[in-house]
């Protein structure tokens, strides 16, 4: 009879997490490498098509910004989140104490 699991064998979640972290790092490195190659290709194509220093410089700056954005996604995510949290409207609640008249349903008229 064939059993699927060996009771003497223990599989720890740490092994799976280490493997996932390793693969995530490798994928990040691959994405940055491919983006770097594409940035170099874009700058060379800008030089080839325009033969202009200004066009090539603009392509280089844009490629550098894209590469910086890709490599600093955590910083951008935090920055965008803090900007959204800072721009959120604050809600103020006013509590009326004492003998203030209730305006709803009292038939108040402005003359």
Protein backbone atom coordinates (compact mmCIF):
# COMPACT_ATOMS: atom_id res chain seq x y z
CA UNK A 1 0.00 0.00 0.00
CA UNK A 2 1.30 3.42 -1.00
CA UNK A 3 0.87 6.36 1.41
CA UNK A 4 0.96 9.96 0.34
CA UNK A 5 2.61 11.43 3.45
CA UNK A 6 5.41 10.10 5.59
CA UNK A 7 4.60 10.73 9.29
CA UNK A 8 8.31 10.98 10.12
CA UNK A 9 8.88 13.77 7.59
CA UNK A 10 8.15 17.35 8.72
CA UNK A 11 7.80 20.15 6.19
CA UNK A 12 8.34 23.59 7.65
CA UNK A 13 6.74 26.71 6.26
CA UNK A 14 10.08 28.48 6.55
CA UNK A 15 11.45 26.47 3.65
CA UNK A 16 8.58 27.59 1.44
CA UNK A 17 8.92 31.21 2.59
CA UNK A 18 12.67 31.20 1.94
CA UNK A 19 12.07 29.76 -1.52
CA UNK A 20 9.39 32.40 -2.25
CA UNK A 21 11.65 35.23 -1.04
CA UNK A 22 14.51 33.91 -3.17
CA UNK A 23 12.31 33.70 -6.26
CA UNK A 24 10.90 37.19 -5.61
CA UNK A 25 14.44 38.58 -5.42
CA UNK A 26 15.42 36.80 -8.62
CA UNK A 27 12.34 38.12 -10.44
CA UNK A 28 13.07 41.65 -9.18
CA UNK A 29 16.64 41.38 -10.48
CA UNK A 30 15.38 40.07 -13.83
CA UNK A 31 12.85 42.91 -14.17
CA UNK A 32 15.49 45.52 -13.36
CA UNK A 33 17.93 43.97 -15.84
CA UNK A 34 15.35 43.86 -18.62
CA UNK A 35 14.26 47.43 -17.86
CA UNK A 36 17.91 48.56 -17.94
CA UNK A 37 18.49 46.91 -21.32
CA UNK A 38 15.29 48.46 -22.66
CA UNK A 39 16.37 51.89 -21.35
CA UNK A 40 19.74 51.60 -23.08
CA UNK A 41 17.99 50.49 -26.26
CA UNK A 42 15.56 53.45 -26.04
CA UNK A 43 18.41 55.95 -25.62
CA UNK A 44 20.31 54.44 -28.55
CA UNK A 45 17.17 54.50 -30.71
CA UNK A 46 16.58 58.15 -29.77
CA UNK A 47 20.12 58.97 -30.89
CA UNK A 48 19.74 56.92 -34.08
CA UNK A 49 16.44 58.55 -35.08
CA UNK A 50 17.10 62.17 -34.07
CA UNK A 51 20.89 62.54 -34.15
CA UNK A 52 20.20 65.26 -31.61
CA UNK A 53 21.87 65.75 -28.27
CA UNK A 54 18.69 67.21 -26.75
CA UNK A 55 16.48 64.31 -27.87
CA UNK A 56 19.00 61.79 -26.60
CA UNK A 57 19.32 63.64 -23.29
CA UNK A 58 15.52 63.66 -22.85
CA UNK A 59 15.37 59.93 -23.61
CA UNK A 60 18.18 59.32 -21.09
CA UNK A 61 16.44 61.34 -18.36
CA UNK A 62 13.12 59.60 -18.95
CA UNK A 63 14.81 56.18 -18.92
CA UNK A 64 16.58 57.08 -15.67
CA UNK A 65 13.28 58.16 -14.10
CA UNK A 66 11.59 54.92 -15.13
CA UNK A 67 14.47 52.83 -13.78
CA UNK A 68 14.46 54.80 -10.52
CA UNK A 69 10.69 54.30 -10.22
CA UNK A 70 10.98 50.57 -10.81
CA UNK A 71 13.80 50.13 -8.31
CA UNK A 72 12.10 52.28 -5.62
CA UNK A 73 8.53 51.03 -5.73
CA UNK A 74 8.37 50.76 -1.93
CA UNK A 75 9.35 54.42 -1.53
CA UNK A 76 6.81 55.51 -4.13
CA UNK A 77 4.07 53.41 -2.54
CA UNK A 78 4.76 54.96 0.87
CA UNK A 79 4.97 58.46 -0.59
CA UNK A 80 1.71 58.15 -2.50
CA UNK A 81 -0.02 56.68 0.54
CA UNK A 82 1.16 59.52 2.79
CA UNK A 83 0.10 62.13 0.22
CA UNK A 84 -3.37 60.61 0.01
CA UNK A 85 -3.65 60.42 3.80
CA UNK A 86 -2.52 64.05 4.17
CA UNK A 87 -4.99 65.29 1.55
CA UNK A 88 -7.97 63.43 3.03
CA UNK A 89 -10.60 65.84 4.30
CA UNK A 90 -10.97 65.93 8.03
CA UNK A 91 -14.41 65.45 9.51
CA UNK A 92 -15.44 67.74 12.32
CA UNK A 93 -18.35 67.01 14.61
CA UNK A 94 -20.12 69.84 16.40
CA UNK A 95 -21.96 69.00 19.60
CA UNK A 96 -24.51 71.56 20.75
CA UNK A 97 -25.18 71.71 24.46
CA UNK A 98 -27.75 73.71 26.31
CA UNK A 99 -31.10 75.05 25.09
CA UNK A 100 -30.34 75.35 21.40
CA UNK A 101 -33.43 75.03 19.15
CA UNK A 102 -33.72 71.99 16.96
CA UNK A 103 -34.02 73.19 13.35
CA UNK A 104 -35.27 70.03 11.70
CA UNK A 105 -39.06 69.76 11.57
CA UNK A 106 -39.78 72.90 13.61
CA UNK A 107 -41.08 75.02 10.71
CA UNK A 108 -38.53 77.76 10.99
CA UNK A 109 -38.86 80.49 8.36
CA UNK A 110 -36.38 83.09 7.27
CA UNK A 111 -38.11 86.40 6.55
